[in-house]
Structure formats: C-alpha cells, structure tokens
Amino acid sequence: MIAAGPDLLIVGGLAVDRVVDGSRLAGGSVLHAARAVAAAGWSVATITAAGPEPEAAAAVAELGALGPSSVASLPASIRFAIHHDSQGRRLVLEAASGNLALLAAEVTALGARTVLLAPIAGELSALAVGACATVPVRVAAVQGWLRHLAPGEEARALPLGSLGAELSAALAELDALVASHEDLAAVASQPPRQLELMRAYFGPRPILVVTAGPDGAWLDDPATGIRHLPVARRLDGAFSIGAGDAFAALLAVGLGAGLDPPAAASAAMIETGDFLAARF
C-alpha cells in the first residue's frame, strides 16, 4: 500500500524576529502555518530555508517533529524587528537573506494534496510557483511578494504591478490567493475594493480572499461571486502574530479536503481563532 501524502505542504522561508521586549524568536509563514495546521489535526510537510541562528535551529527541529521537512541552509535567516503601537503592527527589516529554490521533483515526491506558497520576503520566484504544478490544489499567501524591504526601514506594501509579468502569470494559474487588507494598502483602502482590483489584476481563475482581522474576510469565488464572512468570535488582545499565516494554511487545507470556498474560509476563521486562543 502506498502511504498517503500530507494534507498540506507549506513552502516559505524562516525568519528570526525581535519582539517588543527585545527577545528573539523564530517566525515566518511556514512556521506559524505549520503549527496551526498540526494543531487542527491535519498532517503537514514543509520546505523552507534558514540560517544557523539558535532560534532558527529550534524552529527547524520543530518543523521536523511536525512532519516531513526539507531545509536549505542559508548564511543567515532574514531578521525582522516587530513593533506594536497605536499604528498597529509594524515590521522593520534588520537583515536580508537569500532565495528559496524549489524543485518540481522535490514537491512531487511528497505527494501532498494541497500546497501553500507562503514567502515572507519574495524568496519564491515564478519558477518556484511553477514547480508545484503537479499538486492538486495550489494556494498562495501573497503578502511576502508585496513588501518593499530595505535594511533598517519599515516594510511597506507594494502595488500589484510590482509583482512583474512572469510571477503574476504564475500566480493567476493557482486555485486561490490570500492577502490581508494591510498587504493591499497600496492598492486601495477598503477590502471590497481591494478584492475587485485583485480580480481585475489576476483574472478569472483563482478564488480570492482578503482578510481584515476582527472584521472577518471578503471572498470572491468565481462560481458564486463576492461575499463577506464575519468572524465567529472576537479575540481582543490575543497574540496575533501568525494569524494570517494560520488562516491561509487552514483555508488551503479545507479547499484540499473538498470544502466549497465559503465553507473552507469560515472553517479556517474558526480554527484560526482556536489556534490564537490556545496561545493566551
């Protein structure tokens, strides 16, 4: 009997983040997403890249404990300082890192039902997106491609046109694309309009989701149109780092399991809330 592959393969780089109290901890979409998927009872595999920092080494070990994990070695992990103030959460790049090469054979060998492409600093190219062509359900969290990053500067949102023709075309062929309203601040100020402009940019194929924290999410399903999905419960004061990564991963798992897009998005919001509540 051939063993079933993981429910979800997550691809993206690891980061080392300096938080408000000055301590450092591992971060990055691949880590937050894998934790959420495993906590919800799904099986997960990861492909990532990391430097030799102690925090990154601990995260690599954690990912290996959660499921099959492939790690490319880098001279250093990307490093961010995370600030929380009246303006919300802000990221300041402390040190850049390298790209994450992805081979089609490596992806195919894992036999995953679904893949989530989740870069944090544009480390995945159009070729990396194309390497996932054999996975039945393909989802991308686009935030990592829409950040202007320069050492010592606060990350800021970039317009969709900054993606370039090759990457844009590759993303337009995926099954679903997820972004937060903050990721799309350079596109428009309100989620419904952001969703409209994403549709105009990426074309008719992918399911599109724009998240807005406690205001829920806006979903554009090519089969049924646009709808707003409210959150099931508010978690005021919860530690929200990784919430968007968790939602994107849990949405991807739901789509891979055959849920229709509204059901997958609603389930992902509930499971993300459970994941955040468990960290209180």
Foldseek 3Di string as FASTA:
>chain_A
DDDAFFLEEEEEEKEWEQEDVRDIAIDFLQQLQLVLCVVVPGQYEYEYEAEDDPRVVVSQVVRVVRHHYHYHYWNHHWYWYWDQDPVGIWIATADDTAAGDAALVVLVVRNHQEYEYGYQAPRAALVNLVSNVPRNAYEYECLNLQWDHDHGDITAGHAPCSNDDSNLQSNLPHAEYEYECRNHVVPDNDQVSSVVVVCVRSDQHYWYWYAYQQQAIWTQDSVPGIDGDGAPDHDPPFPCRNLRSNLRSQLRSCVSVPDDNVVSNRVSRVSSVVVRVVVD
